[in-house]
N, C-alpha and C. Protein backbone atom coordinates (compact mmCIF):
# COMPACT_ATOMS: atom_id res chain seq x y z
N MET A 1 0.84 -1.18 0.00
CA MET A 1 0.00 0.00 0.00
C MET A 1 0.88 1.23 0.00
N SER A 2 0.65 2.11 -0.93
CA SER A 2 1.50 3.29 -1.06
C SER A 2 0.77 4.52 -0.55
N ALA A 3 1.53 5.59 -0.43
CA ALA A 3 0.96 6.85 0.07
C ALA A 3 0.03 7.44 -0.97
N THR A 4 -0.91 8.24 -0.48
CA THR A 4 -1.81 8.96 -1.38
C THR A 4 -1.94 10.39 -0.90
N ILE A 5 -2.19 11.27 -1.85
CA ILE A 5 -2.55 12.64 -1.52
C ILE A 5 -4.06 12.64 -1.30
N ALA A 6 -4.52 13.44 -0.39
CA ALA A 6 -5.94 13.47 -0.05
C ALA A 6 -6.79 13.87 -1.25
N PRO A 7 -8.08 13.45 -1.26
CA PRO A 7 -9.00 13.91 -2.31
C PRO A 7 -9.08 15.43 -2.31
N GLU A 8 -9.56 15.98 -3.41
CA GLU A 8 -9.61 17.44 -3.55
C GLU A 8 -10.48 18.07 -2.47
N ASN A 9 -9.88 18.89 -1.68
CA ASN A 9 -10.58 19.75 -0.72
C ASN A 9 -9.61 20.84 -0.33
N LYS A 10 -10.03 21.72 0.58
CA LYS A 10 -9.18 22.88 0.88
C LYS A 10 -7.85 22.48 1.53
N ASN A 11 -7.78 21.29 2.13
CA ASN A 11 -6.55 20.85 2.78
C ASN A 11 -5.81 19.79 1.97
N ALA A 12 -6.24 19.56 0.73
CA ALA A 12 -5.67 18.47 -0.06
C ALA A 12 -4.16 18.58 -0.22
N ALA A 13 -3.66 19.78 -0.37
CA ALA A 13 -2.23 19.96 -0.63
C ALA A 13 -1.37 19.63 0.59
N THR A 14 -1.95 19.69 1.77
CA THR A 14 -1.16 19.49 2.98
C THR A 14 -1.52 18.20 3.73
N LYS A 15 -2.36 17.37 3.14
CA LYS A 15 -2.80 16.12 3.77
C LYS A 15 -2.18 14.94 3.05
N VAL A 16 -1.70 13.95 3.83
CA VAL A 16 -1.08 12.75 3.28
C VAL A 16 -1.64 11.53 4.01
N ILE A 17 -1.89 10.46 3.25
CA ILE A 17 -2.22 9.17 3.83
C ILE A 17 -1.03 8.26 3.53
N THR A 18 -0.35 7.82 4.56
CA THR A 18 0.91 7.08 4.39
C THR A 18 0.67 5.71 3.79
N GLY A 19 1.76 5.12 3.32
CA GLY A 19 1.79 3.70 3.05
C GLY A 19 1.88 2.99 4.40
N MET A 20 2.27 1.71 4.41
CA MET A 20 2.35 0.99 5.67
C MET A 20 3.46 1.57 6.54
N ALA A 21 3.07 2.00 7.74
CA ALA A 21 4.00 2.59 8.70
C ALA A 21 3.85 1.86 10.02
N ARG A 22 4.77 2.12 10.93
CA ARG A 22 4.69 1.49 12.26
C ARG A 22 4.41 2.57 13.30
N LEU A 23 3.57 2.23 14.27
CA LEU A 23 3.20 3.17 15.31
C LEU A 23 4.13 3.03 16.50
N SER A 24 4.60 4.15 17.02
CA SER A 24 5.45 4.16 18.20
C SER A 24 4.98 5.29 19.12
N TYR A 25 5.18 5.12 20.42
CA TYR A 25 4.72 6.11 21.40
C TYR A 25 3.27 6.50 21.12
N ALA A 26 2.43 5.49 20.96
CA ALA A 26 1.04 5.72 20.57
C ALA A 26 0.17 6.09 21.78
N HIS A 27 -0.21 7.34 21.84
CA HIS A 27 -1.19 7.83 22.82
C HIS A 27 -2.44 8.20 22.03
N ILE A 28 -3.09 7.18 21.49
CA ILE A 28 -4.19 7.39 20.55
C ILE A 28 -5.56 7.12 21.16
N TRP A 29 -5.57 6.59 22.38
CA TRP A 29 -6.84 6.31 23.04
C TRP A 29 -7.13 7.30 24.16
N VAL A 30 -6.07 7.72 24.84
CA VAL A 30 -6.19 8.67 25.95
C VAL A 30 -5.13 9.75 25.72
N PRO A 31 -5.50 11.03 25.77
CA PRO A 31 -4.50 12.07 25.52
C PRO A 31 -3.49 12.14 26.66
N SER A 32 -2.31 12.64 26.34
CA SER A 32 -1.27 12.80 27.36
C SER A 32 -0.58 14.14 27.14
N SER A 33 0.20 14.55 28.13
CA SER A 33 0.90 15.81 28.06
C SER A 33 2.39 15.57 28.26
N MET A 34 3.22 16.28 27.49
CA MET A 34 4.66 16.14 27.61
C MET A 34 5.18 16.82 28.87
N SER A 35 4.48 17.84 29.36
CA SER A 35 4.88 18.55 30.57
C SER A 35 3.66 19.18 31.20
N ASP A 36 3.83 19.72 32.40
CA ASP A 36 2.70 20.34 33.11
C ASP A 36 2.15 21.55 32.36
N ASN A 37 3.00 22.20 31.56
CA ASN A 37 2.58 23.42 30.85
C ASN A 37 1.91 23.14 29.51
N ASP A 38 2.04 21.91 29.01
CA ASP A 38 1.49 21.58 27.70
C ASP A 38 0.09 21.01 27.83
N PRO A 39 -0.80 21.34 26.91
CA PRO A 39 -2.14 20.74 26.94
C PRO A 39 -2.07 19.26 26.56
N GLU A 40 -3.01 18.50 27.06
CA GLU A 40 -3.06 17.08 26.70
C GLU A 40 -3.46 16.93 25.24
N LYS A 41 -2.78 16.01 24.55
CA LYS A 41 -3.07 15.74 23.15
C LYS A 41 -2.97 14.25 22.88
N TYR A 42 -3.67 13.82 21.84
CA TYR A 42 -3.47 12.49 21.29
C TYR A 42 -2.23 12.58 20.40
N SER A 43 -1.42 11.54 20.41
CA SER A 43 -0.19 11.62 19.63
C SER A 43 0.33 10.24 19.25
N VAL A 44 1.15 10.22 18.23
CA VAL A 44 1.82 8.99 17.80
C VAL A 44 3.03 9.36 16.97
N SER A 45 4.08 8.59 17.12
CA SER A 45 5.24 8.70 16.24
C SER A 45 5.02 7.70 15.11
N VAL A 46 5.01 8.20 13.88
CA VAL A 46 4.74 7.38 12.70
C VAL A 46 6.06 7.06 12.02
N LEU A 47 6.45 5.78 12.05
CA LEU A 47 7.72 5.35 11.48
C LEU A 47 7.51 4.92 10.03
N ILE A 48 8.20 5.58 9.12
CA ILE A 48 8.05 5.35 7.69
C ILE A 48 9.34 4.75 7.15
N PRO A 49 9.28 3.54 6.58
CA PRO A 49 10.51 2.95 6.03
C PRO A 49 11.13 3.88 4.99
N LYS A 50 12.44 4.01 5.03
CA LYS A 50 13.12 4.86 4.06
C LYS A 50 12.93 4.34 2.63
N SER A 51 12.60 3.07 2.51
CA SER A 51 12.35 2.49 1.18
C SER A 51 11.01 2.92 0.59
N ASP A 52 10.13 3.50 1.42
CA ASP A 52 8.82 3.95 0.94
C ASP A 52 8.94 5.35 0.33
N ALA A 53 9.51 5.39 -0.86
CA ALA A 53 9.79 6.67 -1.52
C ALA A 53 8.51 7.46 -1.80
N ARG A 54 7.40 6.79 -2.06
CA ARG A 54 6.16 7.50 -2.37
C ARG A 54 5.64 8.28 -1.16
N THR A 55 5.66 7.64 0.02
CA THR A 55 5.20 8.36 1.21
C THR A 55 6.13 9.51 1.53
N VAL A 56 7.43 9.29 1.45
CA VAL A 56 8.40 10.35 1.74
C VAL A 56 8.21 11.53 0.79
N ALA A 57 8.03 11.24 -0.51
CA ALA A 57 7.82 12.31 -1.49
C ALA A 57 6.51 13.05 -1.22
N ALA A 58 5.46 12.31 -0.86
CA ALA A 58 4.17 12.95 -0.57
C ALA A 58 4.28 13.86 0.66
N ILE A 59 5.01 13.41 1.67
CA ILE A 59 5.19 14.25 2.87
C ILE A 59 5.98 15.50 2.52
N ASN A 60 7.07 15.36 1.78
CA ASN A 60 7.87 16.54 1.41
C ASN A 60 7.04 17.54 0.61
N LYS A 61 6.20 17.04 -0.29
CA LYS A 61 5.35 17.92 -1.09
C LYS A 61 4.34 18.64 -0.20
N ALA A 62 3.74 17.91 0.75
CA ALA A 62 2.76 18.52 1.65
C ALA A 62 3.42 19.53 2.59
N VAL A 63 4.63 19.23 3.05
CA VAL A 63 5.35 20.17 3.91
C VAL A 63 5.65 21.45 3.15
N ASN A 64 6.08 21.33 1.90
CA ASN A 64 6.35 22.53 1.09
C ASN A 64 5.07 23.35 0.89
N ALA A 65 3.94 22.66 0.70
CA ALA A 65 2.67 23.38 0.55
C ALA A 65 2.30 24.11 1.85
N ALA A 66 2.59 23.47 3.00
CA ALA A 66 2.31 24.11 4.28
C ALA A 66 3.20 25.34 4.48
N ILE A 67 4.45 25.25 4.05
CA ILE A 67 5.36 26.40 4.15
C ILE A 67 4.84 27.55 3.28
N GLU A 68 4.45 27.24 2.05
CA GLU A 68 3.94 28.28 1.15
C GLU A 68 2.70 28.95 1.74
N ALA A 69 1.80 28.14 2.32
CA ALA A 69 0.60 28.70 2.94
C ALA A 69 0.97 29.54 4.16
N GLY A 70 2.02 29.13 4.87
CA GLY A 70 2.43 29.83 6.08
C GLY A 70 3.17 31.13 5.84
N ILE A 71 3.70 31.33 4.64
CA ILE A 71 4.45 32.56 4.36
C ILE A 71 3.58 33.78 4.62
N SER A 72 2.32 33.73 4.18
CA SER A 72 1.43 34.87 4.42
C SER A 72 0.73 34.80 5.76
N SER A 73 0.38 33.59 6.21
CA SER A 73 -0.43 33.48 7.43
C SER A 73 0.38 33.43 8.72
N LYS A 74 1.62 32.93 8.66
CA LYS A 74 2.40 32.74 9.89
C LYS A 74 3.78 33.40 9.89
N PHE A 75 4.36 33.60 8.71
CA PHE A 75 5.76 34.02 8.64
C PHE A 75 5.98 35.46 8.17
N GLY A 76 4.94 36.28 8.19
CA GLY A 76 5.10 37.68 7.89
C GLY A 76 5.48 38.00 6.46
N GLY A 77 5.07 37.16 5.50
CA GLY A 77 5.27 37.48 4.09
C GLY A 77 6.54 36.95 3.46
N LYS A 78 7.40 36.30 4.23
CA LYS A 78 8.60 35.71 3.60
C LYS A 78 8.99 34.43 4.33
N ARG A 79 9.65 33.58 3.59
CA ARG A 79 10.07 32.29 4.16
C ARG A 79 11.22 32.51 5.13
N PRO A 80 11.09 32.04 6.38
CA PRO A 80 12.19 32.18 7.34
C PRO A 80 13.40 31.37 6.90
N PRO A 81 14.61 31.83 7.23
CA PRO A 81 15.81 31.10 6.81
C PRO A 81 15.95 29.75 7.51
N LYS A 82 15.38 29.63 8.72
CA LYS A 82 15.50 28.38 9.46
C LYS A 82 14.12 27.96 9.96
N LEU A 83 13.70 26.77 9.56
CA LEU A 83 12.40 26.24 9.95
C LEU A 83 12.57 24.87 10.58
N LYS A 84 11.75 24.57 11.58
CA LYS A 84 11.70 23.24 12.15
C LYS A 84 10.78 22.39 11.28
N LEU A 85 11.32 21.30 10.73
CA LEU A 85 10.55 20.47 9.80
C LEU A 85 10.14 19.16 10.47
N PRO A 86 8.99 18.60 10.09
CA PRO A 86 8.45 17.44 10.80
C PRO A 86 9.05 16.09 10.42
N LEU A 87 9.56 15.94 9.20
CA LEU A 87 10.10 14.65 8.77
C LEU A 87 11.52 14.51 9.29
N ARG A 88 11.72 13.52 10.16
CA ARG A 88 13.01 13.36 10.83
C ARG A 88 13.62 12.00 10.51
N ASP A 89 14.93 11.93 10.63
CA ASP A 89 15.71 10.74 10.27
C ASP A 89 15.97 9.90 11.52
N GLY A 90 15.35 8.72 11.58
CA GLY A 90 15.52 7.85 12.74
C GLY A 90 16.95 7.40 12.95
N ASP A 91 17.70 7.16 11.87
CA ASP A 91 19.10 6.73 12.00
C ASP A 91 19.95 7.82 12.64
N ALA A 92 19.67 9.07 12.32
CA ALA A 92 20.46 10.19 12.84
C ALA A 92 20.03 10.59 14.24
N GLU A 93 18.71 10.60 14.50
CA GLU A 93 18.22 11.11 15.78
C GLU A 93 18.09 10.07 16.86
N LYS A 94 17.92 8.80 16.47
CA LYS A 94 17.76 7.73 17.46
C LYS A 94 18.65 6.54 17.08
N PRO A 95 19.98 6.78 17.01
CA PRO A 95 20.88 5.72 16.51
C PRO A 95 20.92 4.47 17.39
N ASP A 96 20.56 4.60 18.67
CA ASP A 96 20.60 3.45 19.57
C ASP A 96 19.28 2.70 19.66
N ASP A 97 18.28 3.15 18.93
CA ASP A 97 16.96 2.50 18.98
C ASP A 97 16.75 1.70 17.70
N PRO A 98 16.82 0.36 17.77
CA PRO A 98 16.68 -0.45 16.56
C PRO A 98 15.33 -0.30 15.87
N THR A 99 14.30 0.11 16.62
CA THR A 99 12.97 0.30 16.03
C THR A 99 12.99 1.40 14.98
N TYR A 100 13.81 2.43 15.19
CA TYR A 100 13.84 3.58 14.28
C TYR A 100 14.87 3.41 13.16
N ARG A 101 15.67 2.35 13.23
CA ARG A 101 16.71 2.14 12.22
C ARG A 101 16.07 1.94 10.84
N GLY A 102 16.58 2.64 9.85
CA GLY A 102 16.07 2.51 8.49
C GLY A 102 14.74 3.20 8.26
N HIS A 103 14.38 4.12 9.15
CA HIS A 103 13.09 4.80 9.05
C HIS A 103 13.24 6.32 9.15
N TYR A 104 12.33 7.01 8.50
CA TYR A 104 12.03 8.40 8.83
C TYR A 104 10.86 8.34 9.81
N PHE A 105 10.60 9.45 10.50
CA PHE A 105 9.43 9.48 11.36
C PHE A 105 8.88 10.90 11.47
N VAL A 106 7.58 10.96 11.74
CA VAL A 106 6.91 12.22 12.05
C VAL A 106 6.15 12.01 13.35
N ASN A 107 6.13 13.03 14.18
CA ASN A 107 5.34 12.99 15.42
C ASN A 107 4.05 13.76 15.17
N ALA A 108 2.95 13.02 15.12
CA ALA A 108 1.65 13.60 14.80
C ALA A 108 0.81 13.75 16.07
N THR A 109 0.13 14.89 16.18
CA THR A 109 -0.68 15.15 17.37
C THR A 109 -2.06 15.70 16.98
N SER A 110 -2.99 15.59 17.93
CA SER A 110 -4.33 16.13 17.73
C SER A 110 -4.97 16.39 19.09
N ARG A 111 -5.80 17.42 19.16
CA ARG A 111 -6.55 17.67 20.40
C ARG A 111 -7.78 16.77 20.49
N THR A 112 -8.20 16.19 19.35
CA THR A 112 -9.33 15.27 19.35
C THR A 112 -8.85 13.87 19.00
N ARG A 113 -9.55 12.87 19.50
CA ARG A 113 -9.13 11.48 19.29
C ARG A 113 -9.22 11.12 17.81
N PRO A 114 -8.18 10.47 17.28
CA PRO A 114 -8.25 10.07 15.87
C PRO A 114 -9.28 8.97 15.66
N GLY A 115 -9.84 8.93 14.46
CA GLY A 115 -10.66 7.79 14.09
C GLY A 115 -9.74 6.61 13.86
N ILE A 116 -10.13 5.43 14.31
CA ILE A 116 -9.29 4.23 14.19
C ILE A 116 -10.15 3.12 13.61
N VAL A 117 -9.71 2.57 12.47
CA VAL A 117 -10.49 1.53 11.78
C VAL A 117 -9.59 0.36 11.41
N ASP A 118 -10.23 -0.78 11.06
CA ASP A 118 -9.48 -1.92 10.56
C ASP A 118 -9.39 -1.85 9.04
N VAL A 119 -8.85 -2.88 8.40
CA VAL A 119 -8.64 -2.83 6.95
C VAL A 119 -9.95 -2.79 6.17
N ASN A 120 -11.05 -3.15 6.82
CA ASN A 120 -12.36 -3.08 6.18
C ASN A 120 -13.09 -1.78 6.52
N ARG A 121 -12.38 -0.83 7.14
CA ARG A 121 -12.90 0.47 7.54
C ARG A 121 -13.98 0.38 8.61
N VAL A 122 -13.93 -0.72 9.39
CA VAL A 122 -14.83 -0.89 10.53
C VAL A 122 -14.16 -0.24 11.74
N PRO A 123 -14.87 0.65 12.46
CA PRO A 123 -14.25 1.31 13.62
C PRO A 123 -13.76 0.31 14.66
N ILE A 124 -12.60 0.59 15.22
CA ILE A 124 -12.04 -0.18 16.34
C ILE A 124 -12.22 0.66 17.59
N GLU A 125 -12.84 0.08 18.61
CA GLU A 125 -13.08 0.81 19.86
C GLU A 125 -12.31 0.23 21.04
N ASP A 126 -11.71 -0.95 20.86
CA ASP A 126 -10.99 -1.62 21.95
C ASP A 126 -9.54 -1.17 21.95
N PRO A 127 -9.08 -0.47 22.99
CA PRO A 127 -7.70 0.00 23.04
C PRO A 127 -6.66 -1.12 22.97
N GLU A 128 -7.06 -2.34 23.34
CA GLU A 128 -6.12 -3.47 23.28
C GLU A 128 -5.81 -3.87 21.84
N GLN A 129 -6.61 -3.41 20.89
CA GLN A 129 -6.47 -3.84 19.51
C GLN A 129 -5.45 -3.04 18.70
N VAL A 130 -5.11 -1.84 19.15
CA VAL A 130 -4.16 -0.99 18.42
C VAL A 130 -3.24 -0.32 19.42
N ASP A 131 -1.93 -0.52 19.24
CA ASP A 131 -0.98 0.03 20.20
C ASP A 131 0.36 0.24 19.51
N SER A 132 1.32 0.76 20.26
CA SER A 132 2.68 0.93 19.75
C SER A 132 3.23 -0.41 19.27
N GLY A 133 3.83 -0.40 18.08
CA GLY A 133 4.36 -1.61 17.49
C GLY A 133 3.52 -2.12 16.34
N ASP A 134 2.24 -1.73 16.30
CA ASP A 134 1.37 -2.19 15.22
C ASP A 134 1.66 -1.42 13.92
N TYR A 135 1.23 -2.00 12.82
CA TYR A 135 1.43 -1.42 11.49
C TYR A 135 0.12 -0.84 10.99
N ALA A 136 0.20 0.31 10.36
CA ALA A 136 -1.02 1.02 9.97
C ALA A 136 -0.74 1.98 8.82
N ARG A 137 -1.81 2.44 8.20
CA ARG A 137 -1.76 3.62 7.34
C ARG A 137 -2.28 4.76 8.21
N VAL A 138 -1.66 5.91 8.08
CA VAL A 138 -2.02 7.03 8.95
C VAL A 138 -2.32 8.25 8.09
N SER A 139 -3.43 8.89 8.38
CA SER A 139 -3.81 10.12 7.71
C SER A 139 -3.32 11.29 8.57
N VAL A 140 -2.48 12.13 7.96
CA VAL A 140 -1.91 13.27 8.67
C VAL A 140 -2.05 14.53 7.82
N ASN A 141 -1.95 15.68 8.46
CA ASN A 141 -1.92 16.94 7.73
C ASN A 141 -0.80 17.81 8.29
N PHE A 142 -0.26 18.67 7.46
CA PHE A 142 0.87 19.51 7.85
C PHE A 142 0.44 20.97 7.83
N TYR A 143 0.94 21.72 8.81
CA TYR A 143 0.55 23.13 8.91
C TYR A 143 1.70 23.93 9.51
N ALA A 144 1.78 25.18 9.10
CA ALA A 144 2.84 26.07 9.59
C ALA A 144 2.52 26.56 10.99
N PHE A 145 3.57 26.80 11.78
CA PHE A 145 3.39 27.38 13.10
C PHE A 145 4.46 28.44 13.35
N ASN A 146 4.12 29.37 14.22
CA ASN A 146 5.05 30.42 14.64
C ASN A 146 4.67 30.78 16.07
N THR A 147 5.31 30.09 17.03
CA THR A 147 4.98 30.29 18.43
C THR A 147 6.24 30.46 19.27
N ARG A 148 6.23 31.45 20.12
CA ARG A 148 7.32 31.71 21.07
C ARG A 148 8.70 31.67 20.39
N GLY A 149 8.78 32.24 19.22
CA GLY A 149 10.05 32.31 18.52
C GLY A 149 10.41 31.07 17.73
N ASN A 150 9.60 30.04 17.80
CA ASN A 150 9.83 28.82 17.01
C ASN A 150 8.96 28.86 15.77
N GLN A 151 9.57 28.61 14.63
CA GLN A 151 8.85 28.61 13.36
C GLN A 151 9.09 27.29 12.64
N GLY A 152 8.06 26.79 12.01
CA GLY A 152 8.23 25.55 11.28
C GLY A 152 6.92 24.98 10.81
N VAL A 153 6.95 23.67 10.57
CA VAL A 153 5.77 22.94 10.11
C VAL A 153 5.52 21.79 11.08
N ALA A 154 4.29 21.68 11.56
CA ALA A 154 3.91 20.61 12.47
C ALA A 154 3.05 19.58 11.74
N CYS A 155 2.86 18.44 12.38
CA CYS A 155 2.11 17.33 11.79
C CYS A 155 0.88 17.06 12.64
N GLY A 156 -0.29 17.17 12.03
CA GLY A 156 -1.55 16.88 12.71
C GLY A 156 -1.98 15.44 12.46
N LEU A 157 -2.54 14.82 13.47
CA LEU A 157 -3.02 13.44 13.38
C LEU A 157 -4.50 13.43 13.06
N ASN A 158 -4.88 12.76 11.97
CA ASN A 158 -6.29 12.67 11.58
C ASN A 158 -6.88 11.31 11.94
N ASN A 159 -6.48 10.27 11.21
CA ASN A 159 -7.08 8.94 11.37
C ASN A 159 -6.04 7.85 11.18
N ILE A 160 -6.39 6.65 11.66
CA ILE A 160 -5.49 5.49 11.59
C ILE A 160 -6.25 4.30 11.07
N MET A 161 -5.65 3.57 10.12
CA MET A 161 -6.18 2.29 9.66
C MET A 161 -5.17 1.21 10.04
N LYS A 162 -5.54 0.35 10.99
CA LYS A 162 -4.63 -0.73 11.38
C LYS A 162 -4.55 -1.77 10.26
N LEU A 163 -3.31 -2.14 9.92
CA LEU A 163 -3.09 -3.14 8.88
C LEU A 163 -2.74 -4.49 9.47
N LYS A 164 -1.86 -4.51 10.48
CA LYS A 164 -1.51 -5.78 11.13
C LYS A 164 -0.89 -5.51 12.49
N THR A 165 -0.96 -6.53 13.33
CA THR A 165 -0.41 -6.45 14.67
C THR A 165 1.10 -6.65 14.61
N GLY A 166 1.83 -5.83 15.33
CA GLY A 166 3.27 -5.96 15.42
C GLY A 166 3.70 -6.25 16.85
N THR A 167 4.98 -6.51 17.03
CA THR A 167 5.52 -6.72 18.37
C THR A 167 5.37 -5.43 19.17
N ARG A 168 4.81 -5.53 20.35
CA ARG A 168 4.57 -4.35 21.18
C ARG A 168 5.86 -3.62 21.50
N LEU A 169 5.79 -2.30 21.52
CA LEU A 169 6.94 -1.45 21.81
C LEU A 169 6.79 -0.77 23.17
N SER A 170 6.09 -1.38 24.09
CA SER A 170 5.82 -0.75 25.38
C SER A 170 7.04 -0.74 26.28
N GLY A 171 8.04 -1.58 25.99
CA GLY A 171 9.19 -1.69 26.87
C GLY A 171 8.95 -2.67 28.00
N ARG A 172 7.74 -3.19 28.09
CA ARG A 172 7.39 -4.15 29.13
C ARG A 172 7.37 -5.55 28.51
N THR A 173 7.99 -6.51 29.19
CA THR A 173 7.99 -7.88 28.68
C THR A 173 6.68 -8.55 29.03
N PRO A 174 6.23 -9.49 28.17
CA PRO A 174 5.01 -10.23 28.48
C PRO A 174 5.21 -11.07 29.73
N ALA A 175 4.14 -11.31 30.49
CA ALA A 175 4.23 -12.08 31.72
C ALA A 175 4.80 -13.48 31.47
N GLU A 176 4.40 -14.10 30.36
CA GLU A 176 4.89 -15.45 30.08
C GLU A 176 6.39 -15.50 29.85
N ASP A 177 7.00 -14.37 29.50
CA ASP A 177 8.45 -14.33 29.31
C ASP A 177 9.20 -14.03 30.61
N ASP A 178 8.53 -13.48 31.60
CA ASP A 178 9.19 -13.13 32.86
C ASP A 178 9.40 -14.32 33.79
N PHE A 179 8.56 -15.33 33.67
CA PHE A 179 8.61 -16.44 34.62
C PHE A 179 9.00 -17.72 33.90
N GLU A 180 10.04 -18.37 34.43
CA GLU A 180 10.60 -19.55 33.76
C GLU A 180 9.72 -20.78 33.93
N ASP A 181 9.89 -21.73 33.01
CA ASP A 181 9.21 -23.02 33.10
C ASP A 181 9.80 -23.84 34.25
N GLY A 182 9.01 -24.73 34.83
CA GLY A 182 9.51 -25.67 35.82
C GLY A 182 9.87 -25.05 37.15
N PHE A 183 9.26 -23.94 37.50
CA PHE A 183 9.56 -23.28 38.77
C PHE A 183 9.13 -24.18 39.92
N ASP A 184 9.99 -24.34 40.91
CA ASP A 184 9.71 -25.21 42.07
C ASP A 184 8.89 -24.43 43.10
N MET A 185 7.60 -24.78 43.21
CA MET A 185 6.70 -24.10 44.14
C MET A 185 6.80 -24.63 45.56
N SER A 186 7.53 -25.74 45.78
CA SER A 186 7.52 -26.40 47.10
C SER A 186 8.01 -25.47 48.20
N ALA A 187 8.96 -24.59 47.91
CA ALA A 187 9.48 -23.70 48.94
C ALA A 187 8.43 -22.70 49.41
N PHE A 188 7.41 -22.50 48.63
CA PHE A 188 6.37 -21.53 48.98
C PHE A 188 5.12 -22.19 49.56
N MET A 189 5.11 -23.52 49.65
CA MET A 189 3.90 -24.24 50.03
C MET A 189 3.93 -24.78 51.45
N ASP A 190 4.90 -24.35 52.27
CA ASP A 190 5.01 -24.91 53.61
C ASP A 190 3.93 -24.42 54.53
N GLY A 191 3.49 -23.20 54.40
CA GLY A 191 2.50 -22.65 55.32
C GLY A 191 1.09 -23.03 54.94
N ASP A 192 0.22 -23.09 55.93
CA ASP A 192 -1.20 -23.43 55.69
C ASP A 192 -1.92 -22.30 54.98
N ASP A 193 -1.35 -21.08 55.06
CA ASP A 193 -2.03 -19.92 54.49
C ASP A 193 -1.78 -19.74 53.01
N PHE A 194 -0.93 -20.58 52.40
CA PHE A 194 -0.58 -20.38 50.99
C PHE A 194 -1.81 -20.51 50.11
N MET A 195 -2.06 -19.49 49.32
CA MET A 195 -3.15 -19.45 48.35
C MET A 195 -4.52 -19.63 49.02
N SER A 196 -4.66 -19.27 50.28
CA SER A 196 -5.96 -19.43 50.93
C SER A 196 -6.72 -18.12 50.89
C-alpha cells in the first residue's frame, strides 16, 4: 500500500495518507501531556521505512505546501531562513533504537481522538487492539506554526487504519516471558495460608 494525496478539498495539498508505517509512542486512546505546561493531546510517532519513496515524497510535497501557505499566514510574508521540519531521520536522531533504524518518522498530534479503523474500515473501539508496534496507514496533515520564537511545520493526526499487529513497543515484557518453566513451588507451600 503506497501513500496517497488526499481527495480534492481545501486541505488536499497538505494532507497525506501514508503507506504501511509502524506506530510508536502511541497515545491514541487517551490524551497525554509532555509537561505540566502543555495541553493534553493524542499523539503517535509514525515510522516510515526509508524504502517507501512514495510516502516520503508525498510528505515533502505537503510540507512545502504548508510552508507556502504559512508565508502569508504565519511568517510575515517571507520564508524564514530556518524552519523546524516534521520529517526526521531515525538513524540520525535515534541511533541506539533499533525500532527507528532505516526509518524516517513524524510525530503527529491532535486535540481530538483520531478515528481508528481496521482494513475493512470498521471502527475499532478496543484500546487493546491498536498500540505501539502495530502497522497502519495514517492520515496526517501539515501546517505552519510560529509560536514563542519557534517557526516551522507541524504534523496533525487525523485517522489510523490498522493493517496488522506488530511486536509491542511498550518496553514491558510479556508475563509469560518473565517467569521460567519448571519453577519449584515447594518452597512456597510450607505454610497453611498459601493461596488461601
